[in-house]
Amino acid sequence: MTKADIVNEIAKTTGVDKASVLATVEKFMEVVKDSLAHGENVYLRGFGSFIVKVRSEKTARNISKNTTIIIPEHKIPAFKPAKVFMEEVK
């Protein structure tokens, strides 16, 4: 399912015009991205959590040059579904 499919489904079931639904979905995604960029997690009860995970520093190998490189500690976005969400998918 794409973002356009989600917008169409919400517009069809709620009766709200597609432009308003699209603006709302876009703003929701922007707020989630901005929150994660500032290190704040987003919790949606009954759906899941958008969280920032920290990957620790590690040593890796560049096989083609036969050298070791150090990958510094970095943050990545992640999604952890709620238990209710998991039960519905199973």
N, C-alpha and C. Protein backbone atom coordinates (compact mmCIF):
# COMPACT_ATOMS: atom_id res chain seq x y z
N MET A 1 0.85 -1.17 0.00
CA MET A 1 0.00 0.00 0.00
C MET A 1 0.90 1.24 0.00
N THR A 2 0.59 2.19 -0.86
CA THR A 2 1.38 3.41 -0.96
C THR A 2 0.69 4.54 -0.19
N LYS A 3 1.38 5.68 -0.10
CA LYS A 3 0.80 6.84 0.58
C LYS A 3 -0.48 7.28 -0.13
N ALA A 4 -0.49 7.23 -1.46
CA ALA A 4 -1.69 7.60 -2.22
C ALA A 4 -2.85 6.67 -1.90
N ASP A 5 -2.57 5.37 -1.75
CA ASP A 5 -3.61 4.41 -1.38
C ASP A 5 -4.17 4.72 0.01
N ILE A 6 -3.29 5.08 0.93
CA ILE A 6 -3.74 5.42 2.28
C ILE A 6 -4.63 6.66 2.25
N VAL A 7 -4.21 7.68 1.51
CA VAL A 7 -5.00 8.91 1.39
C VAL A 7 -6.36 8.60 0.79
N ASN A 8 -6.40 7.81 -0.28
CA ASN A 8 -7.66 7.45 -0.92
C ASN A 8 -8.58 6.69 0.04
N GLU A 9 -8.03 5.76 0.80
CA GLU A 9 -8.84 4.97 1.74
C GLU A 9 -9.41 5.85 2.85
N ILE A 10 -8.60 6.73 3.40
CA ILE A 10 -9.08 7.62 4.47
C ILE A 10 -10.14 8.57 3.93
N ALA A 11 -9.90 9.14 2.75
CA ALA A 11 -10.87 10.06 2.15
C ALA A 11 -12.19 9.36 1.87
N LYS A 12 -12.11 8.12 1.41
CA LYS A 12 -13.33 7.37 1.08
C LYS A 12 -14.14 7.04 2.33
N THR A 13 -13.46 6.61 3.40
CA THR A 13 -14.18 6.18 4.60
C THR A 13 -14.65 7.33 5.48
N THR A 14 -13.95 8.48 5.44
CA THR A 14 -14.34 9.60 6.29
C THR A 14 -15.16 10.65 5.58
N GLY A 15 -15.10 10.70 4.25
CA GLY A 15 -15.83 11.71 3.51
C GLY A 15 -15.09 13.04 3.41
N VAL A 16 -13.86 13.10 3.92
CA VAL A 16 -13.05 14.31 3.84
C VAL A 16 -12.36 14.34 2.48
N ASP A 17 -12.18 15.54 1.91
CA ASP A 17 -11.58 15.60 0.57
C ASP A 17 -10.11 15.16 0.62
N LYS A 18 -9.63 14.65 -0.50
CA LYS A 18 -8.29 14.07 -0.60
C LYS A 18 -7.19 15.08 -0.28
N ALA A 19 -7.37 16.34 -0.68
CA ALA A 19 -6.35 17.36 -0.43
C ALA A 19 -6.12 17.56 1.06
N SER A 20 -7.19 17.58 1.84
CA SER A 20 -7.07 17.74 3.29
C SER A 20 -6.42 16.53 3.93
N VAL A 21 -6.82 15.35 3.47
CA VAL A 21 -6.24 14.12 4.01
C VAL A 21 -4.75 14.06 3.67
N LEU A 22 -4.39 14.40 2.44
CA LEU A 22 -2.98 14.38 2.04
C LEU A 22 -2.16 15.36 2.88
N ALA A 23 -2.70 16.56 3.11
CA ALA A 23 -1.99 17.55 3.93
C ALA A 23 -1.80 17.04 5.36
N THR A 24 -2.81 16.36 5.90
CA THR A 24 -2.72 15.81 7.25
C THR A 24 -1.69 14.70 7.33
N VAL A 25 -1.70 13.80 6.36
CA VAL A 25 -0.73 12.70 6.34
C VAL A 25 0.69 13.24 6.19
N GLU A 26 0.88 14.21 5.31
CA GLU A 26 2.19 14.82 5.11
C GLU A 26 2.69 15.48 6.39
N LYS A 27 1.81 16.21 7.07
CA LYS A 27 2.18 16.89 8.31
C LYS A 27 2.51 15.87 9.40
N PHE A 28 1.76 14.78 9.48
CA PHE A 28 2.04 13.73 10.46
C PHE A 28 3.45 13.18 10.25
N MET A 29 3.79 12.86 8.99
CA MET A 29 5.11 12.31 8.70
C MET A 29 6.21 13.33 9.01
N GLU A 30 5.95 14.60 8.75
CA GLU A 30 6.92 15.66 9.03
C GLU A 30 7.17 15.78 10.54
N VAL A 31 6.10 15.72 11.32
CA VAL A 31 6.22 15.82 12.78
C VAL A 31 7.01 14.63 13.33
N VAL A 32 6.73 13.43 12.83
CA VAL A 32 7.47 12.24 13.28
C VAL A 32 8.95 12.37 12.93
N LYS A 33 9.27 12.78 11.69
CA LYS A 33 10.66 12.94 11.28
C LYS A 33 11.38 13.99 12.11
N ASP A 34 10.72 15.13 12.34
CA ASP A 34 11.35 16.19 13.14
C ASP A 34 11.59 15.74 14.58
N SER A 35 10.62 15.03 15.15
CA SER A 35 10.78 14.55 16.51
C SER A 35 11.96 13.59 16.62
N LEU A 36 12.05 12.65 15.69
CA LEU A 36 13.15 11.68 15.72
C LEU A 36 14.48 12.37 15.47
N ALA A 37 14.51 13.38 14.61
CA ALA A 37 15.74 14.11 14.34
C ALA A 37 16.24 14.84 15.58
N HIS A 38 15.32 15.24 16.46
CA HIS A 38 15.71 15.92 17.70
C HIS A 38 15.86 14.94 18.87
N GLY A 39 15.84 13.64 18.59
CA GLY A 39 16.06 12.63 19.62
C GLY A 39 14.84 12.30 20.46
N GLU A 40 13.66 12.74 20.04
CA GLU A 40 12.44 12.48 20.78
C GLU A 40 11.71 11.30 20.16
N ASN A 41 11.30 10.34 20.98
CA ASN A 41 10.53 9.20 20.49
C ASN A 41 9.07 9.60 20.34
N VAL A 42 8.35 8.91 19.45
CA VAL A 42 6.93 9.17 19.22
C VAL A 42 6.16 7.90 19.58
N TYR A 43 5.23 8.03 20.54
CA TYR A 43 4.47 6.88 21.02
C TYR A 43 3.01 7.01 20.59
N LEU A 44 2.49 6.02 19.88
CA LEU A 44 1.09 5.99 19.45
C LEU A 44 0.45 4.77 20.09
N ARG A 45 -0.29 5.00 21.17
CA ARG A 45 -0.89 3.90 21.94
C ARG A 45 -1.78 3.04 21.04
N GLY A 46 -1.57 1.74 21.09
CA GLY A 46 -2.34 0.80 20.29
C GLY A 46 -1.79 0.59 18.89
N PHE A 47 -0.80 1.37 18.50
CA PHE A 47 -0.21 1.23 17.17
C PHE A 47 1.26 0.86 17.26
N GLY A 48 2.04 1.71 17.93
CA GLY A 48 3.46 1.41 18.09
C GLY A 48 4.25 2.65 18.42
N SER A 49 5.57 2.51 18.41
CA SER A 49 6.47 3.60 18.75
C SER A 49 7.51 3.80 17.67
N PHE A 50 7.73 5.05 17.31
CA PHE A 50 8.83 5.41 16.44
C PHE A 50 9.95 5.84 17.38
N ILE A 51 11.07 5.12 17.37
CA ILE A 51 12.14 5.38 18.32
C ILE A 51 13.46 5.60 17.61
N VAL A 52 14.40 6.19 18.34
CA VAL A 52 15.75 6.39 17.84
C VAL A 52 16.65 5.38 18.54
N LYS A 53 17.30 4.52 17.76
CA LYS A 53 18.23 3.55 18.32
C LYS A 53 19.65 4.04 18.09
N VAL A 54 20.52 3.72 19.03
CA VAL A 54 21.92 4.11 18.92
C VAL A 54 22.73 2.86 18.61
N ARG A 55 23.43 2.89 17.51
CA ARG A 55 24.33 1.80 17.14
C ARG A 55 25.72 2.14 17.66
N SER A 56 26.33 1.25 18.41
CA SER A 56 27.63 1.54 18.98
C SER A 56 28.73 1.46 17.93
N GLU A 57 29.87 2.01 18.28
CA GLU A 57 31.03 2.00 17.39
C GLU A 57 31.49 0.56 17.19
N LYS A 58 31.91 0.24 15.96
CA LYS A 58 32.39 -1.11 15.70
C LYS A 58 33.49 -1.10 14.66
N THR A 59 34.24 -2.18 14.64
CA THR A 59 35.32 -2.35 13.67
C THR A 59 34.81 -3.21 12.52
N ALA A 60 35.10 -2.79 11.29
CA ALA A 60 34.66 -3.53 10.11
C ALA A 60 35.86 -3.73 9.19
N ARG A 61 35.70 -4.58 8.19
CA ARG A 61 36.78 -4.85 7.26
C ARG A 61 36.38 -4.43 5.86
N ASN A 62 37.30 -3.77 5.16
CA ASN A 62 37.14 -3.47 3.75
C ASN A 62 37.85 -4.59 3.01
N ILE A 63 37.11 -5.56 2.52
CA ILE A 63 37.69 -6.77 1.93
C ILE A 63 38.51 -6.45 0.69
N SER A 64 38.05 -5.52 -0.13
CA SER A 64 38.77 -5.24 -1.38
C SER A 64 40.15 -4.62 -1.14
N LYS A 65 40.28 -3.82 -0.09
CA LYS A 65 41.57 -3.20 0.20
C LYS A 65 42.31 -3.90 1.35
N ASN A 66 41.65 -4.87 1.97
CA ASN A 66 42.21 -5.63 3.08
C ASN A 66 42.64 -4.71 4.22
N THR A 67 41.74 -3.79 4.58
CA THR A 67 42.01 -2.88 5.68
C THR A 67 40.86 -2.92 6.67
N THR A 68 41.16 -2.48 7.89
CA THR A 68 40.09 -2.36 8.89
C THR A 68 39.68 -0.91 8.99
N ILE A 69 38.39 -0.70 9.18
CA ILE A 69 37.87 0.65 9.36
C ILE A 69 37.00 0.67 10.60
N ILE A 70 36.90 1.82 11.20
CA ILE A 70 36.06 1.97 12.38
C ILE A 70 34.80 2.72 11.98
N ILE A 71 33.67 2.11 12.23
CA ILE A 71 32.37 2.74 11.97
C ILE A 71 31.96 3.42 13.27
N PRO A 72 31.83 4.74 13.28
CA PRO A 72 31.52 5.45 14.52
C PRO A 72 30.10 5.18 15.01
N GLU A 73 29.87 5.50 16.27
CA GLU A 73 28.53 5.38 16.84
C GLU A 73 27.57 6.27 16.05
N HIS A 74 26.38 5.76 15.75
CA HIS A 74 25.41 6.54 15.00
C HIS A 74 24.00 6.16 15.42
N LYS A 75 23.05 7.02 15.07
CA LYS A 75 21.65 6.81 15.43
C LYS A 75 20.86 6.40 14.19
N ILE A 76 19.87 5.53 14.40
CA ILE A 76 19.00 5.11 13.30
C ILE A 76 17.54 5.15 13.78
N PRO A 77 16.60 5.48 12.90
CA PRO A 77 15.20 5.42 13.28
C PRO A 77 14.70 3.98 13.24
N ALA A 78 13.75 3.67 14.11
CA ALA A 78 13.19 2.32 14.16
C ALA A 78 11.71 2.42 14.55
N PHE A 79 10.98 1.36 14.25
CA PHE A 79 9.57 1.28 14.62
C PHE A 79 9.36 0.02 15.44
N LYS A 80 8.73 0.17 16.59
CA LYS A 80 8.41 -0.98 17.43
C LYS A 80 6.89 -1.06 17.54
N PRO A 81 6.28 -2.08 16.92
CA PRO A 81 4.81 -2.18 16.97
C PRO A 81 4.29 -2.53 18.36
N ALA A 82 3.09 -2.07 18.66
CA ALA A 82 2.44 -2.36 19.93
C ALA A 82 1.97 -3.81 19.96
N LYS A 83 1.73 -4.33 21.15
CA LYS A 83 1.29 -5.72 21.29
C LYS A 83 -0.04 -5.96 20.56
N VAL A 84 -0.95 -4.99 20.64
CA VAL A 84 -2.24 -5.11 19.96
C VAL A 84 -2.02 -5.20 18.45
N PHE A 85 -1.11 -4.40 17.94
CA PHE A 85 -0.78 -4.39 16.52
C PHE A 85 -0.23 -5.75 16.13
N MET A 86 0.69 -6.27 16.93
CA MET A 86 1.32 -7.57 16.64
C MET A 86 0.28 -8.70 16.61
N GLU A 87 -0.65 -8.65 17.54
CA GLU A 87 -1.68 -9.70 17.61
C GLU A 87 -2.56 -9.70 16.37
N GLU A 88 -2.88 -8.51 15.85
CA GLU A 88 -3.71 -8.43 14.64
C GLU A 88 -2.99 -8.96 13.42
N VAL A 89 -1.68 -8.74 13.34
CA VAL A 89 -0.91 -9.17 12.18
C VAL A 89 -0.71 -10.68 12.19
N LYS A 90 -0.56 -11.26 13.36
CA LYS A 90 -0.31 -12.71 13.46
C LYS A 90 -1.43 -13.53 12.95
